[in-house]
């Protein structure tokens, strides 16, 4: 089936059907990533949650998260400014 035809069919679905289709498509991607060790996304999320609850992996603080976001934002803004100047 051509992509345009498929797109037309999908966009005519109601919200619930599109959401279900999106979930099925995302689930079908599990195992496609070369870094994926055969675990689905839910299994990985549950495992990481258990690691954080047990203290095995403390994660990062809110401050560390925000600093990383800010650093990325500053980097992206500087890159955009450079590309406009060129």
N, C-alpha and C. Protein backbone atom coordinates (compact mmCIF):
# COMPACT_ATOMS: atom_id res chain seq x y z
N UNK A 1 0.85 -1.17 0.00
CA UNK A 1 0.00 0.00 0.00
C UNK A 1 0.90 1.24 0.00
N UNK A 2 0.52 2.21 -0.75
CA UNK A 2 1.31 3.43 -0.82
C UNK A 2 1.21 4.23 0.46
N UNK A 3 2.27 4.94 0.78
CA UNK A 3 2.32 5.73 2.01
C UNK A 3 1.19 6.75 2.06
N UNK A 4 0.90 7.42 0.97
CA UNK A 4 -0.17 8.43 0.95
C UNK A 4 -1.52 7.79 1.26
N UNK A 5 -1.76 6.61 0.71
CA UNK A 5 -3.03 5.92 0.98
C UNK A 5 -3.12 5.52 2.46
N UNK A 6 -2.05 4.99 2.98
CA UNK A 6 -2.02 4.58 4.38
C UNK A 6 -2.20 5.78 5.30
N UNK A 7 -1.53 6.88 4.98
CA UNK A 7 -1.66 8.10 5.77
C UNK A 7 -3.10 8.58 5.78
N UNK A 8 -3.75 8.56 4.63
CA UNK A 8 -5.14 8.99 4.54
C UNK A 8 -6.04 8.11 5.41
N UNK A 9 -5.84 6.80 5.35
CA UNK A 9 -6.64 5.89 6.16
C UNK A 9 -6.43 6.14 7.65
N UNK A 10 -5.18 6.30 8.04
CA UNK A 10 -4.86 6.48 9.46
C UNK A 10 -5.40 7.80 9.98
N UNK A 11 -5.27 8.86 9.23
CA UNK A 11 -5.74 10.16 9.71
C UNK A 11 -7.26 10.23 9.79
N UNK A 12 -7.96 9.34 9.13
CA UNK A 12 -9.42 9.29 9.22
C UNK A 12 -9.92 8.48 10.41
N UNK A 13 -9.02 7.79 11.11
CA UNK A 13 -9.41 7.03 12.30
C UNK A 13 -9.76 7.98 13.44
N UNK A 14 -10.62 7.54 14.36
CA UNK A 14 -10.91 8.38 15.52
C UNK A 14 -9.72 8.34 16.48
N UNK A 15 -9.74 9.21 17.46
CA UNK A 15 -8.63 9.39 18.39
C UNK A 15 -8.22 8.08 19.06
N UNK A 16 -9.18 7.34 19.59
CA UNK A 16 -8.87 6.10 20.29
C UNK A 16 -8.20 5.07 19.40
N UNK A 17 -8.70 4.95 18.17
CA UNK A 17 -8.09 4.00 17.23
C UNK A 17 -6.68 4.42 16.83
N UNK A 18 -6.47 5.75 16.65
CA UNK A 18 -5.13 6.24 16.32
C UNK A 18 -4.17 5.99 17.48
N UNK A 19 -4.65 6.21 18.72
CA UNK A 19 -3.81 5.98 19.90
C UNK A 19 -3.44 4.50 20.00
N UNK A 20 -4.40 3.62 19.77
CA UNK A 20 -4.12 2.19 19.82
C UNK A 20 -3.12 1.80 18.73
N UNK A 21 -3.30 2.33 17.53
CA UNK A 21 -2.37 2.05 16.43
C UNK A 21 -0.97 2.57 16.76
N UNK A 22 -0.91 3.77 17.33
CA UNK A 22 0.40 4.33 17.70
C UNK A 22 1.10 3.43 18.71
N UNK A 23 0.36 2.93 19.69
CA UNK A 23 0.94 2.02 20.68
C UNK A 23 1.44 0.74 20.04
N UNK A 24 0.65 0.19 19.13
CA UNK A 24 1.08 -1.03 18.43
C UNK A 24 2.34 -0.80 17.61
N UNK A 25 2.40 0.35 16.95
CA UNK A 25 3.59 0.67 16.15
C UNK A 25 4.83 0.84 17.03
N UNK A 26 4.66 1.54 18.14
CA UNK A 26 5.79 1.72 19.06
C UNK A 26 6.25 0.38 19.61
N UNK A 27 5.29 -0.45 20.03
CA UNK A 27 5.65 -1.78 20.54
C UNK A 27 6.36 -2.61 19.50
N UNK A 28 6.01 -2.42 18.23
CA UNK A 28 6.65 -3.20 17.17
C UNK A 28 8.11 -2.82 16.97
N UNK A 29 8.51 -1.66 17.49
CA UNK A 29 9.89 -1.21 17.36
C UNK A 29 10.81 -1.85 18.39
N UNK A 30 10.24 -2.36 19.50
CA UNK A 30 11.07 -3.01 20.51
C UNK A 30 11.85 -4.14 19.88
N UNK A 31 13.13 -4.19 20.19
CA UNK A 31 13.99 -5.21 19.63
C UNK A 31 14.69 -4.77 18.35
N UNK A 32 14.28 -3.64 17.80
CA UNK A 32 14.90 -3.15 16.56
C UNK A 32 16.19 -2.38 16.82
N UNK A 33 16.31 -1.82 18.03
CA UNK A 33 17.47 -1.02 18.38
C UNK A 33 18.65 -1.94 18.69
N UNK A 34 19.81 -1.63 18.13
CA UNK A 34 20.97 -2.49 18.37
C UNK A 34 21.39 -2.50 19.83
N UNK A 35 20.99 -1.47 20.59
CA UNK A 35 21.31 -1.42 22.01
C UNK A 35 20.27 -2.17 22.85
N UNK A 36 19.17 -2.55 22.24
CA UNK A 36 18.10 -3.26 22.96
C UNK A 36 18.54 -4.70 23.17
N UNK A 37 18.45 -5.14 24.41
CA UNK A 37 18.88 -6.50 24.74
C UNK A 37 17.70 -7.46 24.77
N UNK A 38 16.64 -7.17 24.00
CA UNK A 38 15.49 -8.04 23.94
C UNK A 38 14.41 -7.71 24.94
N UNK A 39 14.62 -6.71 25.77
CA UNK A 39 13.62 -6.33 26.75
C UNK A 39 12.69 -5.28 26.13
N UNK A 40 11.41 -5.37 26.45
CA UNK A 40 10.51 -4.34 25.96
C UNK A 40 10.62 -3.10 26.85
N UNK A 41 10.06 -2.01 26.41
CA UNK A 41 10.19 -0.73 27.11
C UNK A 41 9.64 -0.78 28.52
N UNK A 42 8.50 -1.44 28.71
CA UNK A 42 7.91 -1.52 30.04
C UNK A 42 8.81 -2.29 31.00
N UNK A 43 9.39 -3.38 30.54
CA UNK A 43 10.29 -4.17 31.38
C UNK A 43 11.50 -3.34 31.80
N UNK A 44 12.05 -2.59 30.87
CA UNK A 44 13.20 -1.73 31.17
C UNK A 44 12.81 -0.65 32.18
N UNK A 45 11.65 -0.02 31.98
CA UNK A 45 11.20 1.03 32.90
C UNK A 45 10.99 0.47 34.30
N UNK A 46 10.37 -0.70 34.40
CA UNK A 46 10.14 -1.31 35.72
C UNK A 46 11.46 -1.67 36.40
N UNK A 47 12.41 -2.16 35.62
CA UNK A 47 13.71 -2.52 36.17
C UNK A 47 14.44 -1.28 36.69
N UNK A 48 14.41 -0.21 35.92
CA UNK A 48 15.08 1.02 36.35
C UNK A 48 14.41 1.62 37.57
N UNK A 49 13.09 1.53 37.62
CA UNK A 49 12.36 2.02 38.79
C UNK A 49 12.77 1.25 40.04
N UNK A 50 12.87 -0.07 39.93
CA UNK A 50 13.28 -0.91 41.06
C UNK A 50 14.70 -0.56 41.51
N UNK A 51 15.59 -0.31 40.55
CA UNK A 51 16.97 0.07 40.89
C UNK A 51 17.00 1.36 41.68
N UNK A 52 16.17 2.32 41.28
CA UNK A 52 16.15 3.61 41.98
C UNK A 52 15.55 3.46 43.37
N UNK A 53 14.49 2.66 43.50
CA UNK A 53 13.85 2.47 44.80
C UNK A 53 14.79 1.75 45.77
N UNK A 54 15.60 0.83 45.26
CA UNK A 54 16.50 0.08 46.12
C UNK A 54 17.75 0.87 46.49
N UNK A 55 18.01 1.95 45.77
CA UNK A 55 19.20 2.74 46.01
C UNK A 55 20.39 2.29 45.17
N UNK A 56 20.21 1.21 44.40
CA UNK A 56 21.28 0.70 43.54
C UNK A 56 21.69 1.75 42.52
N UNK A 57 20.70 2.48 42.01
CA UNK A 57 20.96 3.56 41.06
C UNK A 57 20.20 4.78 41.57
N UNK A 58 20.90 5.74 42.16
CA UNK A 58 20.20 6.87 42.77
C UNK A 58 19.63 7.86 41.76
N UNK A 59 19.97 7.73 40.49
CA UNK A 59 19.47 8.68 39.50
C UNK A 59 20.18 10.01 39.63
N UNK A 60 19.50 11.09 39.22
CA UNK A 60 20.07 12.43 39.33
C UNK A 60 19.10 13.32 40.08
N UNK A 61 19.60 14.40 40.62
CA UNK A 61 18.75 15.35 41.34
C UNK A 61 18.04 16.25 40.34
N UNK A 62 17.02 16.93 40.82
CA UNK A 62 16.30 17.88 39.99
C UNK A 62 17.25 18.98 39.50
N UNK A 63 18.15 19.40 40.39
CA UNK A 63 19.11 20.44 40.01
C UNK A 63 20.02 19.97 38.87
N UNK A 64 20.46 18.71 38.93
CA UNK A 64 21.30 18.16 37.86
C UNK A 64 20.52 18.08 36.54
N UNK A 65 19.26 17.67 36.63
CA UNK A 65 18.42 17.62 35.44
C UNK A 65 18.26 18.99 34.82
N UNK A 66 17.93 19.98 35.66
CA UNK A 66 17.71 21.34 35.15
C UNK A 66 18.99 21.93 34.58
N UNK A 67 20.14 21.64 35.20
CA UNK A 67 21.42 22.13 34.68
C UNK A 67 21.68 21.53 33.30
N UNK A 68 21.37 20.25 33.14
CA UNK A 68 21.55 19.61 31.84
C UNK A 68 20.63 20.18 30.78
N UNK A 69 19.38 20.44 31.17
CA UNK A 69 18.42 21.04 30.23
C UNK A 69 18.90 22.43 29.84
N UNK A 70 19.31 23.21 30.83
CA UNK A 70 19.79 24.57 30.56
C UNK A 70 21.02 24.54 29.67
N UNK A 71 21.95 23.64 29.94
CA UNK A 71 23.16 23.54 29.13
C UNK A 71 22.81 23.20 27.68
N UNK A 72 21.86 22.32 27.50
CA UNK A 72 21.42 21.96 26.14
C UNK A 72 20.75 23.13 25.45
N UNK A 73 19.96 23.88 26.22
CA UNK A 73 19.25 25.03 25.66
C UNK A 73 20.26 26.10 25.25
N UNK A 74 21.25 26.35 26.10
CA UNK A 74 22.27 27.36 25.79
C UNK A 74 23.06 26.91 24.56
N UNK A 75 23.42 25.64 24.50
CA UNK A 75 24.17 25.12 23.37
C UNK A 75 23.36 25.27 22.08
N UNK A 76 22.07 24.94 22.12
CA UNK A 76 21.23 25.04 20.94
C UNK A 76 21.05 26.48 20.50
N UNK A 77 20.89 27.40 21.46
CA UNK A 77 20.74 28.82 21.13
C UNK A 77 22.02 29.37 20.50
N UNK A 78 23.17 28.97 21.03
CA UNK A 78 24.45 29.43 20.48
C UNK A 78 24.64 28.89 19.07
N UNK A 79 24.27 27.65 18.85
CA UNK A 79 24.38 27.05 17.53
C UNK A 79 23.48 27.76 16.54
N UNK A 80 22.25 28.08 16.96
CA UNK A 80 21.30 28.78 16.08
C UNK A 80 21.82 30.17 15.75
N UNK A 81 22.37 30.88 16.75
CA UNK A 81 22.89 32.22 16.51
C UNK A 81 24.05 32.18 15.54
N UNK A 82 24.92 31.17 15.67
CA UNK A 82 26.05 31.02 14.78
C UNK A 82 25.60 30.77 13.35
N UNK A 83 24.59 29.91 13.16
CA UNK A 83 24.14 29.57 11.82
C UNK A 83 23.45 30.75 11.15
N UNK A 84 22.81 31.65 11.94
CA UNK A 84 22.19 32.83 11.36
C UNK A 84 23.23 33.87 10.98
N UNK A 85 24.34 33.89 11.69
CA UNK A 85 25.38 34.88 11.40
C UNK A 85 26.17 34.51 10.17
N UNK A 86 26.21 33.23 9.83
CA UNK A 86 27.02 32.76 8.70
C UNK A 86 26.41 33.07 7.37
